[in-house]
Amino acid sequence: RFYDEGGAGIQDLVEWLDGHKGGSAFEVAAGAYARVICHPQLFIEGNHRTACLIASLLLGAAGHPAFVQTQDNIARILDVSNRIETHDKRSLFHGYRMSALVTELTAIFAEGAQTPIHLVKGPIPLAGQ
């Protein structure tokens, strides 16, 4: 199914990415994220994690920070993601309906790139230490 489902497998994602090379990194990352999690999904399980990894890869390749879910953006991400999941990418109206959701997600990704995220080197201290 991963390869063979017409308009829904990995080939669909690769072709979509190939057709959107000229877009901003945030738009491409948001669009790819949406392609992975909308119906039918690529995998039986792990679509959101995979979508986050793909979005982070695309953002990183363009020199932007990885996509990170934080306490500040998680409610918005889940809201948009839940609405994206209800769309069927094989539908005639998919592109029209999806564009507003991808625009919302693009804004979330772009805002995340402006928010400084600090990484801790070495072991992460536990509470109370």
Protein backbone atom coordinates (compact mmCIF):
# COMPACT_ATOMS: atom_id res chain seq x y z
CA ARG A 1 0.00 0.00 0.00
CA PHE A 2 2.86 2.38 0.83
CA TYR A 3 3.96 2.40 -2.83
CA ASP A 4 0.98 1.17 -4.81
CA GLU A 5 -2.02 3.23 -3.73
CA GLY A 6 -2.59 5.68 -6.56
CA GLY A 7 -2.68 9.31 -5.46
CA ALA A 8 -2.01 8.34 -1.87
CA GLY A 9 1.29 6.50 -1.52
CA ILE A 10 4.83 7.73 -1.24
CA GLN A 11 4.94 8.42 -4.97
CA ASP A 12 2.18 11.00 -4.47
CA LEU A 13 4.29 12.80 -1.85
CA VAL A 14 7.44 12.69 -3.99
CA GLU A 15 5.58 14.04 -7.02
CA TRP A 16 3.95 16.77 -4.92
CA LEU A 17 7.35 17.82 -3.53
CA ASP A 18 8.82 17.84 -7.04
CA GLY A 19 6.05 20.15 -8.21
CA HIS A 20 6.53 22.60 -5.34
CA LYS A 21 10.28 23.18 -5.42
CA GLY A 22 9.87 26.94 -5.92
CA GLY A 23 7.75 27.59 -2.83
CA SER A 24 9.02 28.94 0.46
CA ALA A 25 10.48 26.33 2.79
CA PHE A 26 7.63 26.91 5.25
CA GLU A 27 4.96 26.38 2.58
CA VAL A 28 6.65 23.25 1.25
CA ALA A 29 7.12 21.82 4.75
CA ALA A 30 3.49 22.56 5.65
CA GLY A 31 2.22 21.07 2.39
CA ALA A 32 4.29 17.91 2.83
CA TYR A 33 3.11 17.59 6.44
CA ALA A 34 -0.48 17.85 5.22
CA ARG A 35 0.06 15.28 2.43
CA VAL A 36 1.32 12.75 4.96
CA ILE A 37 -1.50 13.13 7.50
CA CYS A 38 -4.55 13.62 5.26
CA HIS A 39 -6.63 10.63 4.23
CA PRO A 40 -5.52 8.08 3.13
CA GLN A 41 -2.48 8.24 5.33
CA LEU A 42 0.83 6.72 4.32
CA PHE A 43 1.14 4.38 7.29
CA ILE A 44 -1.14 2.51 9.64
CA GLU A 45 0.61 4.25 12.57
CA GLY A 46 3.09 7.07 13.07
CA ASN A 47 1.90 9.50 10.41
CA HIS A 48 2.17 12.59 12.61
CA ARG A 49 5.67 11.69 13.75
CA THR A 50 6.69 11.02 10.15
CA ALA A 51 5.11 14.29 9.01
CA CYS A 52 7.03 16.21 11.70
CA LEU A 53 10.29 14.57 10.64
CA ILE A 54 9.69 15.32 6.94
CA ALA A 55 8.77 18.94 7.72
CA SER A 56 11.91 19.30 9.87
CA LEU A 57 14.07 17.82 7.12
CA LEU A 58 12.66 20.23 4.54
CA LEU A 59 13.07 23.21 6.87
CA GLY A 60 16.60 22.19 7.84
CA ALA A 61 17.60 21.72 4.21
CA ALA A 62 16.58 25.35 3.64
CA GLY A 63 18.58 26.57 6.62
CA HIS A 64 15.68 26.97 9.06
CA PRO A 65 15.30 25.40 12.49
CA ALA A 66 13.47 22.11 12.82
CA PHE A 67 9.74 22.04 13.47
CA VAL A 68 9.21 21.75 17.22
CA GLN A 69 5.92 21.29 19.01
CA THR A 70 5.85 23.47 22.10
CA GLN A 71 3.34 24.32 24.79
CA ASP A 72 2.69 27.56 22.92
CA ASN A 73 1.86 26.00 19.54
CA ILE A 74 0.61 22.47 20.28
CA ALA A 75 -3.09 23.41 20.53
CA ARG A 76 -2.97 25.17 17.14
CA ILE A 77 -1.02 22.33 15.54
CA LEU A 78 -3.44 19.70 16.81
CA ASP A 79 -6.44 21.76 15.68
CA VAL A 80 -5.09 22.19 12.15
CA SER A 81 -3.85 18.58 12.01
CA ASN A 82 -7.24 17.22 13.06
CA ARG A 83 -8.95 19.24 10.32
CA ILE A 84 -6.37 18.11 7.74
CA GLU A 85 -6.89 14.45 8.65
CA THR A 86 -10.54 14.63 7.51
CA HIS A 87 -9.60 15.52 3.93
CA ASP A 88 -9.17 12.91 1.21
CA LYS A 89 -6.24 13.82 -1.03
CA ARG A 90 -7.92 11.99 -3.92
CA SER A 91 -11.01 14.21 -3.75
CA LEU A 92 -11.79 16.65 -6.54
CA PHE A 93 -12.02 19.53 -4.04
CA HIS A 94 -9.00 18.53 -1.95
CA GLY A 95 -6.67 21.28 -3.15
CA TYR A 96 -9.25 24.00 -2.70
CA ARG A 97 -10.22 22.93 0.80
CA MET A 98 -6.69 22.15 1.89
CA SER A 99 -5.09 25.45 0.87
CA ALA A 100 -6.46 27.40 3.86
CA LEU A 101 -5.30 24.70 6.27
CA VAL A 102 -1.83 24.60 4.74
CA THR A 103 -1.69 28.40 4.99
CA GLU A 104 -2.46 28.13 8.73
CA LEU A 105 0.20 25.48 9.16
CA THR A 106 2.70 27.55 7.16
CA ALA A 107 2.19 30.43 9.60
CA ILE A 108 2.78 28.11 12.57
CA PHE A 109 6.01 26.81 11.02
CA ALA A 110 7.23 30.33 10.21
CA GLU A 111 6.44 31.55 13.75
CA GLY A 112 8.32 28.58 15.17
CA ALA A 113 11.42 29.59 13.23
CA GLN A 114 11.30 32.99 14.94
CA THR A 115 11.06 31.52 18.44
CA PRO A 116 14.45 30.78 19.96
CA ILE A 117 14.73 27.19 21.12
CA HIS A 118 17.62 26.32 23.36
CA LEU A 119 19.17 22.91 23.27
CA VAL A 120 20.87 21.49 26.33
CA LYS A 121 24.25 19.85 25.82
CA GLY A 122 24.91 16.78 27.88
CA PRO A 123 22.46 15.12 30.23
CA ILE A 124 19.17 16.94 30.77
CA PRO A 125 18.80 17.86 34.45
CA LEU A 126 15.75 16.34 36.09
CA ALA A 127 13.39 18.36 38.24
CA GLY A 128 14.82 18.93 41.71
CA GLN A 129 18.46 18.41 40.68
